[in-house]
Every structure is written in structure tokens, then in C-alpha cells.
């Protein structure tokens, strides 16, 4: 995982499933953009919230889907 701001980290789905790393870094919310966390319950990873907004690489994301991902990340940042 790489820290982007004081409150935002970016990583792979492997990183997002690393309960120890999430706890160590004080991460409470996960925004999954590839669908891998769709079936995972927050308590399994020790977080408060998991949101999934599936985006595809390159062109093809509807604007409203992209805007939902931005809105969800903004909510989590201001938690």
C-alpha cells in the first residue's frame, strides 16, 4: 500500500484483504474499484465499511459510476 494523503491509501485487492496492515495503518474504510471485495464483510477485515464501485480500465465507465466512486471516497475521507 502507498499513502496518498494523511487519510487515503491506495493498494491492490491483496493489500485491501490484509487485516494486519489495515489495522496497523488505522484504515477504517475500503473503496474497492474492481469488485474483489464485493462479498467480504467489513468485520472480517476489521474495518467499519466496505464500498464497491466497479470501474473498468480505460474508456467505458459511465460518468455517474465514476462520480459515485468520487462521492464515496469523499465521504470516507471526511469520516
N, C-alpha and C. Protein backbone atom coordinates (compact mmCIF):
# COMPACT_ATOMS: atom_id res chain seq x y z
N UNK A 1 0.84 -1.18 0.00
CA UNK A 1 0.00 0.00 0.00
C UNK A 1 0.88 1.24 0.00
N UNK A 2 0.35 2.25 -0.64
CA UNK A 2 1.04 3.54 -0.68
C UNK A 2 0.13 4.60 -0.11
N UNK A 3 0.69 5.44 0.77
CA UNK A 3 -0.08 6.52 1.36
C UNK A 3 -0.12 7.70 0.40
N UNK A 4 -1.33 8.16 0.06
CA UNK A 4 -1.54 9.27 -0.86
C UNK A 4 -1.70 10.58 -0.09
N UNK A 5 -2.51 10.56 0.94
CA UNK A 5 -2.69 11.71 1.85
C UNK A 5 -2.68 11.14 3.26
N UNK A 6 -2.88 11.99 4.26
CA UNK A 6 -2.96 11.50 5.63
C UNK A 6 -4.07 10.49 5.82
N UNK A 7 -5.13 10.59 5.00
CA UNK A 7 -6.31 9.75 5.18
C UNK A 7 -6.55 8.75 4.06
N UNK A 8 -5.78 8.81 2.98
CA UNK A 8 -6.05 7.96 1.82
C UNK A 8 -4.83 7.12 1.47
N UNK A 9 -5.09 5.83 1.33
CA UNK A 9 -4.07 4.87 0.91
C UNK A 9 -4.56 4.22 -0.38
N UNK A 10 -3.64 3.79 -1.22
CA UNK A 10 -4.01 3.09 -2.43
C UNK A 10 -3.25 1.78 -2.47
N UNK A 11 -3.92 0.74 -2.92
CA UNK A 11 -3.26 -0.55 -2.99
C UNK A 11 -4.08 -1.53 -3.81
N UNK A 12 -3.60 -2.73 -3.84
CA UNK A 12 -4.26 -3.80 -4.60
C UNK A 12 -5.33 -4.47 -3.74
N UNK A 13 -6.05 -5.39 -4.35
CA UNK A 13 -7.04 -6.15 -3.58
C UNK A 13 -6.34 -7.02 -2.54
N UNK A 14 -5.13 -7.43 -2.81
CA UNK A 14 -4.35 -8.19 -1.80
C UNK A 14 -4.10 -7.30 -0.60
N UNK A 15 -3.70 -6.06 -0.83
CA UNK A 15 -3.49 -5.11 0.27
C UNK A 15 -4.78 -4.89 1.05
N UNK A 16 -5.90 -4.75 0.34
CA UNK A 16 -7.18 -4.48 0.99
C UNK A 16 -7.67 -5.66 1.82
N UNK A 17 -7.13 -6.83 1.58
CA UNK A 17 -7.51 -8.02 2.37
C UNK A 17 -6.53 -8.33 3.48
N UNK A 18 -5.53 -7.48 3.68
CA UNK A 18 -4.51 -7.69 4.71
C UNK A 18 -4.96 -7.03 6.01
N UNK A 19 -5.67 -7.79 6.82
CA UNK A 19 -6.25 -7.27 8.06
C UNK A 19 -5.20 -6.62 8.96
N UNK A 20 -4.04 -7.23 9.08
CA UNK A 20 -2.99 -6.69 9.93
C UNK A 20 -2.50 -5.33 9.43
N UNK A 21 -2.30 -5.20 8.12
CA UNK A 21 -1.84 -3.93 7.56
C UNK A 21 -2.92 -2.85 7.71
N UNK A 22 -4.17 -3.22 7.49
CA UNK A 22 -5.26 -2.26 7.66
C UNK A 22 -5.29 -1.73 9.09
N UNK A 23 -5.16 -2.62 10.04
CA UNK A 23 -5.17 -2.23 11.46
C UNK A 23 -3.95 -1.36 11.77
N UNK A 24 -2.77 -1.79 11.32
CA UNK A 24 -1.52 -1.07 11.60
C UNK A 24 -1.58 0.37 11.08
N UNK A 25 -2.18 0.56 9.92
CA UNK A 25 -2.24 1.89 9.31
C UNK A 25 -3.48 2.69 9.74
N UNK A 26 -4.34 2.08 10.54
CA UNK A 26 -5.52 2.78 11.02
C UNK A 26 -6.59 2.99 9.96
N UNK A 27 -6.67 2.07 9.02
CA UNK A 27 -7.64 2.18 7.92
C UNK A 27 -8.98 1.62 8.39
N UNK A 28 -10.04 2.42 8.21
CA UNK A 28 -11.37 2.05 8.68
C UNK A 28 -12.36 1.79 7.56
N UNK A 29 -12.04 2.24 6.35
CA UNK A 29 -12.95 2.10 5.22
C UNK A 29 -12.18 1.66 3.98
N UNK A 30 -12.84 0.86 3.16
CA UNK A 30 -12.25 0.39 1.91
C UNK A 30 -13.19 0.76 0.77
N UNK A 31 -12.62 1.34 -0.28
CA UNK A 31 -13.34 1.59 -1.52
C UNK A 31 -12.71 0.68 -2.56
N UNK A 32 -13.42 -0.38 -2.93
CA UNK A 32 -12.94 -1.31 -3.95
C UNK A 32 -13.43 -0.89 -5.31
N UNK A 33 -12.51 -0.79 -6.26
CA UNK A 33 -12.87 -0.34 -7.59
C UNK A 33 -12.88 -1.46 -8.62
N UNK A 34 -12.58 -2.68 -8.20
CA UNK A 34 -12.54 -3.80 -9.16
C UNK A 34 -13.51 -4.92 -8.83
N UNK A 35 -14.27 -4.79 -7.77
CA UNK A 35 -15.28 -5.80 -7.43
C UNK A 35 -14.79 -6.92 -6.55
N UNK A 36 -13.50 -6.97 -6.25
CA UNK A 36 -12.96 -8.09 -5.47
C UNK A 36 -13.48 -8.15 -4.03
N UNK A 37 -13.86 -7.04 -3.46
CA UNK A 37 -14.34 -7.03 -2.08
C UNK A 37 -15.86 -7.11 -1.99
N UNK A 38 -16.53 -7.37 -3.10
CA UNK A 38 -17.99 -7.35 -3.13
C UNK A 38 -18.62 -8.26 -2.07
N UNK A 39 -18.08 -9.43 -1.85
CA UNK A 39 -18.69 -10.40 -0.94
C UNK A 39 -18.05 -10.42 0.46
N UNK A 40 -17.11 -9.54 0.72
CA UNK A 40 -16.41 -9.53 2.01
C UNK A 40 -17.12 -8.61 2.98
N UNK A 41 -17.36 -9.10 4.17
CA UNK A 41 -17.99 -8.31 5.22
C UNK A 41 -16.93 -7.49 5.95
N UNK A 42 -17.25 -6.25 6.32
CA UNK A 42 -16.27 -5.40 6.98
C UNK A 42 -15.64 -6.01 8.23
N UNK A 43 -16.43 -6.71 9.04
CA UNK A 43 -15.87 -7.27 10.28
C UNK A 43 -14.78 -8.31 10.01
N UNK A 44 -14.82 -8.97 8.87
CA UNK A 44 -13.77 -9.94 8.53
C UNK A 44 -12.41 -9.26 8.42
N UNK A 45 -12.40 -8.01 7.95
CA UNK A 45 -11.16 -7.27 7.79
C UNK A 45 -10.91 -6.27 8.90
N UNK A 46 -11.84 -6.17 9.85
CA UNK A 46 -11.67 -5.25 10.96
C UNK A 46 -11.86 -3.79 10.58
N UNK A 47 -12.68 -3.53 9.57
CA UNK A 47 -12.97 -2.16 9.16
C UNK A 47 -14.44 -1.86 9.39
N UNK A 48 -14.78 -0.58 9.33
CA UNK A 48 -16.17 -0.17 9.55
C UNK A 48 -17.03 -0.29 8.30
N UNK A 49 -16.38 -0.14 7.14
CA UNK A 49 -17.17 -0.03 5.91
C UNK A 49 -16.38 -0.51 4.71
N UNK A 50 -17.06 -1.21 3.82
CA UNK A 50 -16.50 -1.58 2.52
C UNK A 50 -17.52 -1.16 1.47
N UNK A 51 -17.09 -0.32 0.56
CA UNK A 51 -17.93 0.09 -0.57
C UNK A 51 -17.26 -0.42 -1.84
N UNK A 52 -18.05 -0.88 -2.78
CA UNK A 52 -17.52 -1.36 -4.06
C UNK A 52 -18.20 -0.59 -5.19
N UNK A 53 -17.38 0.03 -6.01
CA UNK A 53 -17.84 0.72 -7.22
C UNK A 53 -16.95 0.19 -8.33
N UNK A 54 -17.48 -0.71 -9.14
CA UNK A 54 -16.65 -1.35 -10.16
C UNK A 54 -16.40 -0.42 -11.34
N UNK A 55 -15.12 -0.15 -11.58
CA UNK A 55 -14.70 0.63 -12.73
C UNK A 55 -13.87 -0.26 -13.65
N UNK A 56 -13.86 0.06 -14.92
CA UNK A 56 -13.03 -0.67 -15.87
C UNK A 56 -11.86 0.22 -16.26
N UNK A 57 -10.73 -0.40 -16.63
CA UNK A 57 -9.59 0.37 -17.10
C UNK A 57 -9.91 0.99 -18.45
N UNK A 58 -9.42 2.18 -18.66
CA UNK A 58 -9.63 2.84 -19.94
C UNK A 58 -11.02 3.43 -20.06
N UNK A 59 -11.45 3.62 -21.28
CA UNK A 59 -12.78 4.18 -21.55
C UNK A 59 -13.86 3.14 -21.25
N UNK A 60 -15.01 3.62 -20.97
CA UNK A 60 -16.11 2.69 -20.78
C UNK A 60 -16.85 2.87 -19.47
N UNK A 61 -16.33 3.69 -18.57
CA UNK A 61 -17.05 3.94 -17.32
C UNK A 61 -18.08 5.04 -17.55
N UNK A 62 -19.31 4.74 -17.17
CA UNK A 62 -20.35 5.76 -17.26
C UNK A 62 -20.03 6.88 -16.27
N UNK A 63 -20.25 8.12 -16.62
CA UNK A 63 -19.93 9.23 -15.72
C UNK A 63 -20.56 9.10 -14.33
N UNK A 64 -21.78 8.61 -14.26
CA UNK A 64 -22.44 8.50 -12.95
C UNK A 64 -21.77 7.45 -12.06
N UNK A 65 -21.19 6.41 -12.65
CA UNK A 65 -20.47 5.40 -11.86
C UNK A 65 -19.19 6.01 -11.32
N UNK A 66 -18.45 6.71 -12.18
CA UNK A 66 -17.23 7.38 -11.73
C UNK A 66 -17.54 8.39 -10.63
N UNK A 67 -18.60 9.18 -10.81
CA UNK A 67 -18.97 10.17 -9.80
C UNK A 67 -19.36 9.52 -8.48
N UNK A 68 -19.96 8.34 -8.54
CA UNK A 68 -20.29 7.62 -7.29
C UNK A 68 -19.01 7.23 -6.56
N UNK A 69 -18.00 6.77 -7.28
CA UNK A 69 -16.72 6.41 -6.65
C UNK A 69 -16.10 7.63 -5.98
N UNK A 70 -16.15 8.78 -6.64
CA UNK A 70 -15.61 10.01 -6.07
C UNK A 70 -16.40 10.40 -4.83
N UNK A 71 -17.72 10.32 -4.89
CA UNK A 71 -18.56 10.68 -3.75
C UNK A 71 -18.30 9.77 -2.56
N UNK A 72 -18.16 8.48 -2.80
CA UNK A 72 -17.91 7.53 -1.71
C UNK A 72 -16.55 7.81 -1.09
N UNK A 73 -15.53 8.08 -1.91
CA UNK A 73 -14.20 8.34 -1.36
C UNK A 73 -14.20 9.64 -0.56
N UNK A 74 -14.95 10.62 -0.99
CA UNK A 74 -15.03 11.88 -0.25
C UNK A 74 -15.69 11.66 1.12
N UNK A 75 -16.75 10.85 1.16
CA UNK A 75 -17.41 10.55 2.43
C UNK A 75 -16.44 9.87 3.38
N UNK A 76 -15.67 8.88 2.89
CA UNK A 76 -14.76 8.14 3.74
C UNK A 76 -13.64 9.04 4.24
N UNK A 77 -13.16 9.96 3.40
CA UNK A 77 -12.07 10.85 3.79
C UNK A 77 -12.50 11.79 4.91
N UNK A 78 -13.77 12.18 4.89
CA UNK A 78 -14.26 13.13 5.89
C UNK A 78 -14.97 12.44 7.05
N UNK A 79 -14.71 11.19 7.22
CA UNK A 79 -15.33 10.37 8.27
C UNK A 79 -14.99 10.89 9.63
